[in-house]
Amino acid sequence: MKYFGGCDAGSTYTKCVILDENGKMVAHTTLKSKINAVESAKIALEETIKQVPELHDASDLTYLIGTGYGRNKVPFANENISEISCHAMGVHVADPSVTSIIDIGGQDIKGIAIDPKDGTVQNFAMNDKCSAGTGRFFEAMARSFEMDLDDFCNLSLKANNIIPITSQCTVFCESEVISLVGEGKPMEDIAAGIMMSVAKRCFVMAKKAGATDSITLTGGCAKNAGLKQAIEKVLHLKVKDLPIDPQLMGALGAAEYARQKGLKEAN
């Protein structure tokens, strides 16, 4: 049996996936990225390889592809592919009926349109000029609320109203939130305003990419229940849930590309 790897070296989390030659996911790992991207990728790979008895180290993989923010830092990788292509392929593998993605990573927001025939990218749009609406943004907002990130992400679900957030910058948004809390505004309503503000940014990226009604969320922020609810309100449609952890889509897509290339070279 041949095995193929994908390593998504993200700015916040590093993810690895191993597929067998039939395309079955046999192992995966997600861990917090360290300052040293090479070390993060190495540890994630080692942890993933441990889950497959036939494998001893990365050299036992037939083919390995790196992707993500630190893709050039993935040790042992045969090649690197952009995270946009890998997220598209990962979603296509997880659910071929999905043709559009909103990917909310640690440092940027992307809208991606997928070719339903083969999982390649038809079009994309990206906002990487500002961290507002990214994973790091939500971490900053949780600190402003003096809450755990998971608790903050669920807070807006309890809102009775949405208090508009006008600031488009993380720093100014933090100041605005602190002022609103100081005024005694309900925290859940402020949180709902934050989620709606980000959802509107996501809508712009999705529209620029030419997104269709068959849309899903990827990246760690896809697990943010409050944000998902806000995005569904803005889009006026139900976001599709994936059968595989949405945070693994980049690594899964990289592993699938590795499988395709590895099997092609073997033939």
C-alpha atoms as a PDB file:
ATOM      1  CA  MET A   1       0.000   0.000   0.000  1.00  0.00           C
ATOM      2  CA  LYS A   2       1.303   3.433  -0.942  1.00  0.00           C
ATOM      3  CA  TYR A   3       0.691   6.488   1.254  1.00  0.00           C
ATOM      4  CA  PHE A   4       0.578  10.180   0.398  1.00  0.00           C
ATOM      5  CA  GLY A   5       0.868  13.247   2.605  1.00  0.00           C
ATOM      6  CA  GLY A   6      -0.360  16.821   2.708  1.00  0.00           C
ATOM      7  CA  CYS A   7       0.914  19.403   5.193  1.00  0.00           C
ATOM      8  CA  ASP A   8      -0.858  22.758   5.584  1.00  0.00           C
ATOM      9  CA  ALA A   9       1.556  25.061   7.413  1.00  0.00           C
ATOM     10  CA  GLY A  10      -0.882  27.774   8.467  1.00  0.00           C
ATOM     11  CA  SER A  11      -0.031  30.953  10.349  1.00  0.00           C
ATOM     12  CA  THR A  12      -2.051  29.825  13.371  1.00  0.00           C
ATOM     13  CA  TYR A  13      -2.335  26.032  13.061  1.00  0.00           C
ATOM     14  CA  THR A  14      -0.353  23.359  11.223  1.00  0.00           C
ATOM     15  CA  LYS A  15      -2.383  20.465   9.808  1.00  0.00           C
ATOM     16  CA  CYS A  16      -1.278  17.166   8.251  1.00  0.00           C
ATOM     17  CA  VAL A  17      -3.250  14.463   6.435  1.00  0.00           C
ATOM     18  CA  ILE A  18      -2.181  11.068   5.082  1.00  0.00           C
ATOM     19  CA  LEU A  19      -4.184   9.249   2.387  1.00  0.00           C
ATOM     20  CA  ASP A  20      -3.737   5.707   1.157  1.00  0.00           C
ATOM     21  CA  GLU A  21      -3.577   4.917  -2.560  1.00  0.00           C
ATOM     22  CA  ASN A  22      -7.369   4.534  -2.671  1.00  0.00           C
ATOM     23  CA  GLY A  23      -7.909   8.063  -1.353  1.00  0.00           C
ATOM     24  CA  LYS A  24      -8.945   7.031   2.170  1.00  0.00           C
ATOM     25  CA  MET A  25      -7.813   9.372   4.948  1.00  0.00           C
ATOM     26  CA  VAL A  26      -5.896   7.131   7.350  1.00  0.00           C
ATOM     27  CA  ALA A  27      -4.344   9.760   9.639  1.00  0.00           C
ATOM     28  CA  HIS A  28      -4.507  13.455  10.468  1.00  0.00           C
ATOM     29  CA  THR A  29      -3.094  15.932  12.979  1.00  0.00           C
ATOM     30  CA  THR A  30      -3.833  19.545  13.915  1.00  0.00           C
ATOM     31  CA  LEU A  31      -1.540  21.507  16.209  1.00  0.00           C
ATOM     32  CA  LYS A  32      -0.841  25.120  17.138  1.00  0.00           C
ATOM     33  CA  SER A  33       1.851  26.585  14.896  1.00  0.00           C
ATOM     34  CA  LYS A  34       5.128  27.514  16.556  1.00  0.00           C
ATOM     35  CA  ILE A  35       7.265  30.522  15.636  1.00  0.00           C
ATOM     36  CA  ASN A  36       9.514  28.132  13.706  1.00  0.00           C
ATOM     37  CA  ALA A  37       7.401  26.882  10.768  1.00  0.00           C
ATOM     38  CA  VAL A  38       9.881  24.090   9.938  1.00  0.00           C
ATOM     39  CA  GLU A  39       9.617  22.705  13.468  1.00  0.00           C
ATOM     40  CA  SER A  40       5.806  22.931  13.397  1.00  0.00           C
ATOM     41  CA  ALA A  41       5.595  21.019  10.120  1.00  0.00           C
ATOM     42  CA  LYS A  42       8.110  18.419  11.305  1.00  0.00           C
ATOM     43  CA  ILE A  43       6.233  17.743  14.558  1.00  0.00           C
ATOM     44  CA  ALA A  44       2.857  17.589  12.783  1.00  0.00           C
ATOM     45  CA  LEU A  45       4.241  15.149  10.210  1.00  0.00           C
ATOM     46  CA  GLU A  46       5.780  12.954  12.901  1.00  0.00           C
ATOM     47  CA  GLU A  47       2.516  12.850  14.871  1.00  0.00           C
ATOM     48  CA  THR A  48       0.537  11.931  11.753  1.00  0.00           C
ATOM     49  CA  ILE A  49       2.979   9.242  10.632  1.00  0.00           C
ATOM     50  CA  LYS A  50       2.769   7.601  14.079  1.00  0.00           C
ATOM     51  CA  GLN A  51      -0.895   6.821  13.343  1.00  0.00           C
ATOM     52  CA  VAL A  52       0.004   4.555  10.388  1.00  0.00           C
ATOM     53  CA  PRO A  53       1.796   1.346  11.523  1.00  0.00           C
ATOM     54  CA  GLU A  54       3.407   0.754   8.109  1.00  0.00           C
ATOM     55  CA  LEU A  55       5.119   4.156   8.161  1.00  0.00           C
ATOM     56  CA  HIS A  56       8.254   5.050  10.115  1.00  0.00           C
ATOM     57  CA  ASP A  57       9.174   8.505   8.820  1.00  0.00           C
ATOM     58  CA  ALA A  58       8.400  10.971   6.021  1.00  0.00           C
ATOM     59  CA  SER A  59      10.656   9.121   3.583  1.00  0.00           C
ATOM     60  CA  ASP A  60       8.134   6.255   3.604  1.00  0.00           C
ATOM     61  CA  LEU A  61       5.521   8.505   1.975  1.00  0.00           C
ATOM     62  CA  THR A  62       5.344   8.067  -1.795  1.00  0.00           C
ATOM     63  CA  TYR A  63       4.699  11.789  -2.296  1.00  0.00           C
ATOM     64  CA  LEU A  64       4.240  14.778   0.009  1.00  0.00           C
ATOM     65  CA  ILE A  65       2.926  18.249  -0.816  1.00  0.00           C
ATOM     66  CA  GLY A  66       3.211  21.358   1.344  1.00  0.00           C
ATOM     67  CA  THR A  67       0.677  24.179   1.343  1.00  0.00           C
ATOM     68  CA  GLY A  68      -0.397  27.149   3.431  1.00  0.00           C
ATOM     69  CA  TYR A  69       1.269  30.282   4.735  1.00  0.00           C
ATOM     70  CA  GLY A  70       4.550  28.446   5.474  1.00  0.00           C
ATOM     71  CA  ARG A  71       4.443  25.937   2.612  1.00  0.00           C
ATOM     72  CA  ASN A  72       8.060  26.661   1.660  1.00  0.00           C
ATOM     73  CA  LYS A  73       9.090  25.559   5.150  1.00  0.00           C
ATOM     74  CA  VAL A  74       7.593  22.041   4.998  1.00  0.00           C
ATOM     75  CA  PRO A  75      10.494  19.568   5.302  1.00  0.00           C
ATOM     76  CA  PHE A  76      10.628  16.522   3.010  1.00  0.00           C
ATOM     77  CA  ALA A  77       7.947  17.992   0.683  1.00  0.00           C
ATOM     78  CA  ASN A  78       8.265  16.962  -2.967  1.00  0.00           C
ATOM     79  CA  GLU A  79       6.626  20.234  -3.990  1.00  0.00           C
ATOM     80  CA  ASN A  80       4.397  23.074  -2.786  1.00  0.00           C
ATOM     81  CA  ILE A  81       0.927  24.096  -3.994  1.00  0.00           C
ATOM     82  CA  SER A  82      -1.055  27.213  -3.023  1.00  0.00           C
ATOM     83  CA  GLU A  83      -3.589  26.898  -0.221  1.00  0.00           C
ATOM     84  CA  ILE A  84      -6.305  28.194  -2.555  1.00  0.00           C
ATOM     85  CA  SER A  85      -5.887  25.199  -4.872  1.00  0.00           C
ATOM     86  CA  CYS A  86      -5.590  22.799  -1.946  1.00  0.00           C
ATOM     87  CA  HIS A  87      -8.712  24.066  -0.167  1.00  0.00           C
ATOM     88  CA  ALA A  88     -10.674  23.697  -3.403  1.00  0.00           C
ATOM     89  CA  MET A  89      -9.446  20.134  -3.911  1.00  0.00           C
ATOM     90  CA  GLY A  90      -9.983  19.232  -0.252  1.00  0.00           C
ATOM     91  CA  VAL A  91     -13.606  20.375  -0.332  1.00  0.00           C
ATOM     92  CA  HIS A  92     -14.138  18.568  -3.649  1.00  0.00           C
ATOM     93  CA  VAL A  93     -12.878  15.347  -2.056  1.00  0.00           C
ATOM     94  CA  ALA A  94     -15.013  15.844   1.068  1.00  0.00           C
ATOM     95  CA  ASP A  95     -18.208  16.803  -0.800  1.00  0.00           C
ATOM     96  CA  PRO A  96     -18.179  17.039  -4.628  1.00  0.00           C
ATOM     97  CA  SER A  97     -21.552  18.824  -4.600  1.00  0.00           C
ATOM     98  CA  VAL A  98     -20.010  21.947  -3.030  1.00  0.00           C
ATOM     99  CA  THR A  99     -18.870  24.489  -5.616  1.00  0.00           C
ATOM    100  CA  SER A 100     -17.990  27.532  -3.496  1.00  0.00           C
ATOM    101  CA  ILE A 101     -15.887  28.203  -0.411  1.00  0.00           C
ATOM    102  CA  ILE A 102     -15.461  30.969   2.107  1.00  0.00           C
ATOM    103  CA  ASP A 103     -12.106  30.261   3.745  1.00  0.00           C
ATOM    104  CA  ILE A 104     -11.396  32.201   6.927  1.00  0.00           C
ATOM    105  CA  GLY A 105      -7.831  31.592   7.979  1.00  0.00           C
ATOM    106  CA  GLY A 106      -5.580  33.041  10.633  1.00  0.00           C
ATOM    107  CA  GLN A 107      -4.548  36.011   8.499  1.00  0.00           C
ATOM    108  CA  ASP A 108      -6.921  36.371   5.544  1.00  0.00           C
ATOM    109  CA  ILE A 109     -10.385  35.740   4.086  1.00  0.00           C
ATOM    110  CA  LYS A 110     -10.818  34.058   0.708  1.00  0.00           C
ATOM    111  CA  GLY A 111     -13.739  33.395  -1.601  1.00  0.00           C
ATOM    112  CA  ILE A 112     -13.153  30.426  -3.922  1.00  0.00           C
ATOM    113  CA  ALA A 113     -15.221  29.028  -6.807  1.00  0.00           C
ATOM    114  CA  ILE A 114     -14.574  25.330  -7.562  1.00  0.00           C
ATOM    115  CA  ASP A 115     -14.860  23.482 -10.855  1.00  0.00           C
ATOM    116  CA  PRO A 116     -17.267  20.628  -9.960  1.00  0.00           C
ATOM    117  CA  LYS A 117     -15.664  18.344 -12.553  1.00  0.00           C
ATOM    118  CA  ASP A 118     -12.205  18.049 -11.024  1.00  0.00           C
ATOM    119  CA  GLY A 119     -11.911  20.245  -7.928  1.00  0.00           C
ATOM    120  CA  THR A 120      -9.688  22.873  -9.529  1.00  0.00           C
ATOM    121  CA  VAL A 121     -10.094  26.608  -8.900  1.00  0.00           C
ATOM    122  CA  GLN A 122     -12.344  28.513 -11.294  1.00  0.00           C
ATOM    123  CA  ASN A 123     -11.915  31.878  -9.602  1.00  0.00           C
ATOM    124  CA  PHE A 124     -10.978  33.384  -6.243  1.00  0.00           C
ATOM    125  CA  ALA A 125     -10.857  36.640  -4.306  1.00  0.00           C
ATOM    126  CA  MET A 126      -8.790  37.367  -1.221  1.00  0.00           C
ATOM    127  CA  ASN A 127      -8.595  40.014   1.487  1.00  0.00           C
ATOM    128  CA  ASP A 128      -5.121  39.872   3.026  1.00  0.00           C
ATOM    129  CA  LYS A 129      -4.570  43.603   3.521  1.00  0.00           C
ATOM    130  CA  CYS A 130      -6.183  43.693   6.983  1.00  0.00           C
ATOM    131  CA  SER A 131      -6.555  41.122   9.759  1.00  0.00           C
ATOM    132  CA  ALA A 132     -10.134  42.185  10.588  1.00  0.00           C
ATOM    133  CA  GLY A 133     -12.367  39.135  10.279  1.00  0.00           C
ATOM    134  CA  THR A 134      -9.575  36.567  10.450  1.00  0.00           C
ATOM    135  CA  GLY A 135      -8.689  34.050  13.129  1.00  0.00           C
ATOM    136  CA  ARG A 136      -6.336  36.503  14.813  1.00  0.00           C
ATOM    137  CA  PHE A 137      -9.133  39.085  14.830  1.00  0.00           C
ATOM    138  CA  PHE A 138     -11.473  36.759  16.740  1.00  0.00           C
ATOM    139  CA  GLU A 139      -8.716  36.004  19.244  1.00  0.00           C
ATOM    140  CA  ALA A 140      -8.320  39.762  19.815  1.00  0.00           C
ATOM    141  CA  MET A 141     -12.085  40.213  20.235  1.00  0.00           C
ATOM    142  CA  ALA A 142     -12.247  37.361  22.755  1.00  0.00           C
ATOM    143  CA  ARG A 143      -9.522  39.083  24.783  1.00  0.00           C
ATOM    144  CA  SER A 144     -11.521  42.328  24.692  1.00  0.00           C
ATOM    145  CA  PHE A 145     -14.493  40.431  26.135  1.00  0.00           C
ATOM    146  CA  GLU A 146     -12.190  38.699  28.651  1.00  0.00           C
ATOM    147  CA  MET A 147     -13.581  35.393  27.421  1.00  0.00           C
ATOM    148  CA  ASP A 148     -12.341  32.068  26.145  1.00  0.00           C
ATOM    149  CA  LEU A 149     -12.387  32.011  22.321  1.00  0.00           C
ATOM    150  CA  ASP A 150     -14.970  29.200  22.133  1.00  0.00           C
ATOM    151  CA  ASP A 151     -17.293  31.000  24.546  1.00  0.00           C
ATOM    152  CA  PHE A 152     -16.960  34.233  22.575  1.00  0.00           C
ATOM    153  CA  CYS A 153     -17.781  32.458  19.296  1.00  0.00           C
ATOM    154  CA  ASN A 154     -21.048  31.182  20.796  1.00  0.00           C
ATOM    155  CA  LEU A 155     -21.999  34.416  22.564  1.00  0.00           C
ATOM    156  CA  SER A 156     -23.806  36.015  19.606  1.00  0.00           C
ATOM    157  CA  LEU A 157     -26.190  33.042  19.405  1.00  0.00           C
ATOM    158  CA  LYS A 158     -27.898  34.456  22.510  1.00  0.00           C
ATOM    159  CA  ALA A 159     -28.327  37.969  21.059  1.00  0.00           C
ATOM    160  CA  ASN A 160     -31.723  39.675  20.910  1.00  0.00           C
ATOM    161  CA  ASN A 161     -30.405  42.544  18.786  1.00  0.00           C
ATOM    162  CA  ILE A 162     -27.430  43.306  16.571  1.00  0.00           C
ATOM    163  CA  ILE A 163     -25.383  46.353  17.560  1.00  0.00           C
ATOM    164  CA  PRO A 164     -23.626  47.591  14.392  1.00  0.00           C
ATOM    165  CA  ILE A 165     -19.833  47.739  14.521  1.00  0.00           C
ATOM    166  CA  THR A 166     -18.581  50.554  12.299  1.00  0.00           C
ATOM    167  CA  SER A 167     -14.797  50.106  12.595  1.00  0.00           C
ATOM    168  CA  GLN A 168     -13.112  48.133   9.811  1.00  0.00           C
ATOM    169  CA  CYS A 169      -9.726  47.879  11.559  1.00  0.00           C
ATOM    170  CA  THR A 170      -8.896  45.394  14.334  1.00  0.00           C
ATOM    171  CA  VAL A 171      -7.329  48.057  16.566  1.00  0.00           C
ATOM    172  CA  PHE A 172     -10.221  50.522  16.170  1.00  0.00           C
ATOM    173  CA  CYS A 173     -12.748  47.706  16.471  1.00  0.00           C
ATOM    174  CA  GLU A 174     -11.257  46.699  19.830  1.00  0.00           C
ATOM    175  CA  SER A 175     -11.601  50.302  21.035  1.00  0.00           C
ATOM    176  CA  GLU A 176     -15.197  50.467  19.800  1.00  0.00           C
ATOM    177  CA  VAL A 177     -16.069  47.196  21.535  1.00  0.00           C
ATOM    178  CA  ILE A 178     -14.496  48.321  24.812  1.00  0.00           C
ATOM    179  CA  SER A 179     -16.511  51.566  24.630  1.00  0.00           C
ATOM    180  CA  LEU A 180     -19.766  49.688  23.995  1.00  0.00           C
ATOM    181  CA  VAL A 181     -19.097  47.336  26.907  1.00  0.00           C
ATOM    182  CA  GLY A 182     -18.356  50.378  29.077  1.00  0.00           C
ATOM    183  CA  GLU A 183     -21.723  51.866  28.083  1.00  0.00           C
ATOM    184  CA  GLY A 184     -23.420  48.753  29.440  1.00  0.00           C
ATOM    185  CA  LYS A 185     -24.589  47.403  26.079  1.00  0.00           C
ATOM    186  CA  PRO A 186     -25.455  43.678  26.157  1.00  0.00           C
ATOM    187  CA  MET A 187     -22.288  41.741  25.350  1.00  0.00           C
ATOM    188  CA  GLU A 188     -24.142  39.191  23.243  1.00  0.00           C
ATOM    189  CA  ASP A 189     -25.589  41.994  21.078  1.00  0.00           C
ATOM    190  CA  ILE A 190     -22.119  43.499  20.611  1.00  0.00           C
ATOM    191  CA  ALA A 191     -20.798  40.052  19.665  1.00  0.00           C
ATOM    192  CA  ALA A 192     -23.619  39.707  17.124  1.00  0.00           C
ATOM    193  CA  GLY A 193     -22.543  43.016  15.596  1.00  0.00           C
ATOM    194  CA  ILE A 194     -18.962  41.782  15.326  1.00  0.00           C
ATOM    195  CA  MET A 195     -20.067  38.565  13.619  1.00  0.00           C
ATOM    196  CA  MET A 196     -22.312  40.451  11.199  1.00  0.00           C
ATOM    197  CA  SER A 197     -19.475  42.828  10.309  1.00  0.00           C
ATOM    198  CA  VAL A 198     -17.205  39.891   9.438  1.00  0.00           C
ATOM    199  CA  ALA A 199     -20.006  38.073   7.602  1.00  0.00           C
ATOM    200  CA  LYS A 200     -20.406  41.079   5.296  1.00  0.00           C
ATOM    201  CA  ARG A 201     -16.679  40.948   4.484  1.00  0.00           C
ATOM    202  CA  CYS A 202     -17.038  37.248   3.705  1.00  0.00           C
ATOM    203  CA  PHE A 203     -20.001  37.997   1.435  1.00  0.00           C
ATOM    204  CA  VAL A 204     -17.913  40.483  -0.568  1.00  0.00           C
ATOM    205  CA  MET A 205     -15.132  37.914  -1.112  1.00  0.00           C
ATOM    206  CA  ALA A 206     -17.632  35.204  -2.064  1.00  0.00           C
ATOM    207  CA  LYS A 207     -19.387  37.508  -4.530  1.00  0.00           C
ATOM    208  CA  LYS A 208     -16.093  38.595  -6.125  1.00  0.00           C
ATOM    209  CA  ALA A 209     -15.144  34.943  -6.603  1.00  0.00           C
ATOM    210  CA  GLY A 210     -18.487  34.166  -8.262  1.00  0.00           C
ATOM    211  CA  ALA A 211     -19.782  31.915  -5.492  1.00  0.00           C
ATOM    212  CA  THR A 212     -22.902  29.810  -6.057  1.00  0.00           C
ATOM    213  CA  ASP A 213     -25.624  28.670  -3.650  1.00  0.00           C
ATOM    214  CA  SER A 214     -23.701  25.456  -2.893  1.00  0.00           C
ATOM    215  CA  ILE A 215     -21.244  26.971  -0.425  1.00  0.00           C
ATOM    216  CA  THR A 216     -19.277  25.846   2.628  1.00  0.00           C
ATOM    217  CA  LEU A 217     -16.833  27.304   5.143  1.00  0.00           C
ATOM    218  CA  THR A 218     -13.246  26.152   5.618  1.00  0.00           C
ATOM    219  CA  GLY A 219     -10.472  27.048   8.031  1.00  0.00           C
ATOM    220  CA  GLY A 220     -10.565  27.102  11.806  1.00  0.00           C
ATOM    221  CA  CYS A 221     -13.161  29.894  11.826  1.00  0.00           C
ATOM    222  CA  ALA A 222     -15.607  27.531  10.101  1.00  0.00           C
ATOM    223  CA  LYS A 223     -16.174  26.128  13.604  1.00  0.00           C
ATOM    224  CA  ASN A 224     -17.321  29.556  14.837  1.00  0.00           C
ATOM    225  CA  ALA A 225     -21.065  28.966  15.290  1.00  0.00           C
ATOM    226  CA  GLY A 226     -21.869  32.657  15.683  1.00  0.00           C
ATOM    227  CA  LEU A 227     -20.043  33.584  12.499  1.00  0.00           C
ATOM    228  CA  LYS A 228     -21.680  30.769  10.560  1.00  0.00           C
ATOM    229  CA  GLN A 229     -25.118  31.979  11.646  1.00  0.00           C
ATOM    230  CA  ALA A 230     -24.271  35.552  10.587  1.00  0.00           C
ATOM    231  CA  ILE A 231     -22.950  34.417   7.194  1.00  0.00           C
ATOM    232  CA  GLU A 232     -26.149  32.464   6.562  1.00  0.00           C
ATOM    233  CA  LYS A 233     -28.178  35.605   7.345  1.00  0.00           C
ATOM    234  CA  VAL A 234     -26.120  37.707   4.935  1.00  0.00           C
ATOM    235  CA  LEU A 235     -26.148  35.082   2.165  1.00  0.00           C
ATOM    236  CA  HIS A 236     -29.829  34.182   2.718  1.00  0.00           C
ATOM    237  CA  LEU A 237     -28.983  30.494   2.400  1.00  0.00           C
ATOM    238  CA  LYS A 238     -27.814  27.514   4.422  1.00  0.00           C
ATOM    239  CA  VAL A 239     -24.068  26.914   4.514  1.00  0.00           C
ATOM    240  CA  LYS A 240     -23.221  23.262   3.829  1.00  0.00           C
ATOM    241  CA  ASP A 241     -21.562  21.279   6.619  1.00  0.00           C
ATOM    242  CA  LEU A 242     -18.652  19.101   5.528  1.00  0.00           C
ATOM    243  CA  PRO A 243     -18.319  15.453   6.632  1.00  0.00           C
ATOM    244  CA  ILE A 244     -14.645  16.093   7.485  1.00  0.00           C
ATOM    245  CA  ASP A 245     -13.167  18.720   9.838  1.00  0.00           C
ATOM    246  CA  PRO A 246     -13.201  21.986   7.799  1.00  0.00           C
ATOM    247  CA  GLN A 247      -9.859  22.962   9.305  1.00  0.00           C
ATOM    248  CA  LEU A 248      -8.251  19.999   7.495  1.00  0.00           C
ATOM    249  CA  MET A 249      -9.346  20.974   3.973  1.00  0.00           C
ATOM    250  CA  GLY A 250      -6.013  22.488   2.930  1.00  0.00           C
ATOM    251  CA  ALA A 251      -4.027  19.476   4.130  1.00  0.00           C
ATOM    252  CA  LEU A 252      -6.578  17.075   2.628  1.00  0.00           C
ATOM    253  CA  GLY A 253      -6.374  18.804  -0.744  1.00  0.00           C
ATOM    254  CA  ALA A 254      -2.577  18.745  -0.622  1.00  0.00           C
ATOM    255  CA  ALA A 255      -2.640  15.021   0.171  1.00  0.00           C
ATOM    256  CA  GLU A 256      -5.048  14.359  -2.715  1.00  0.00           C
ATOM    257  CA  TYR A 257      -2.800  16.264  -5.127  1.00  0.00           C
ATOM    258  CA  ALA A 258       0.116  14.209  -3.762  1.00  0.00           C
ATOM    259  CA  ARG A 259      -1.860  10.998  -4.366  1.00  0.00           C
ATOM    260  CA  GLN A 260      -2.694  11.972  -7.947  1.00  0.00           C
ATOM    261  CA  LYS A 261       0.885  12.981  -8.747  1.00  0.00           C
ATOM    262  CA  GLY A 262       2.463  10.030  -6.957  1.00  0.00           C
ATOM    263  CA  LEU A 263       0.279   7.462  -8.708  1.00  0.00           C
ATOM    264  CA  LYS A 264       0.833   9.165 -12.070  1.00  0.00           C
ATOM    265  CA  GLU A 265       4.613   9.030 -11.648  1.00  0.00           C
ATOM    266  CA  ALA A 266       4.411   5.372 -10.597  1.00  0.00           C
ATOM    267  CA  ASN A 267       2.648   4.559 -13.872  1.00  0.00           C
END
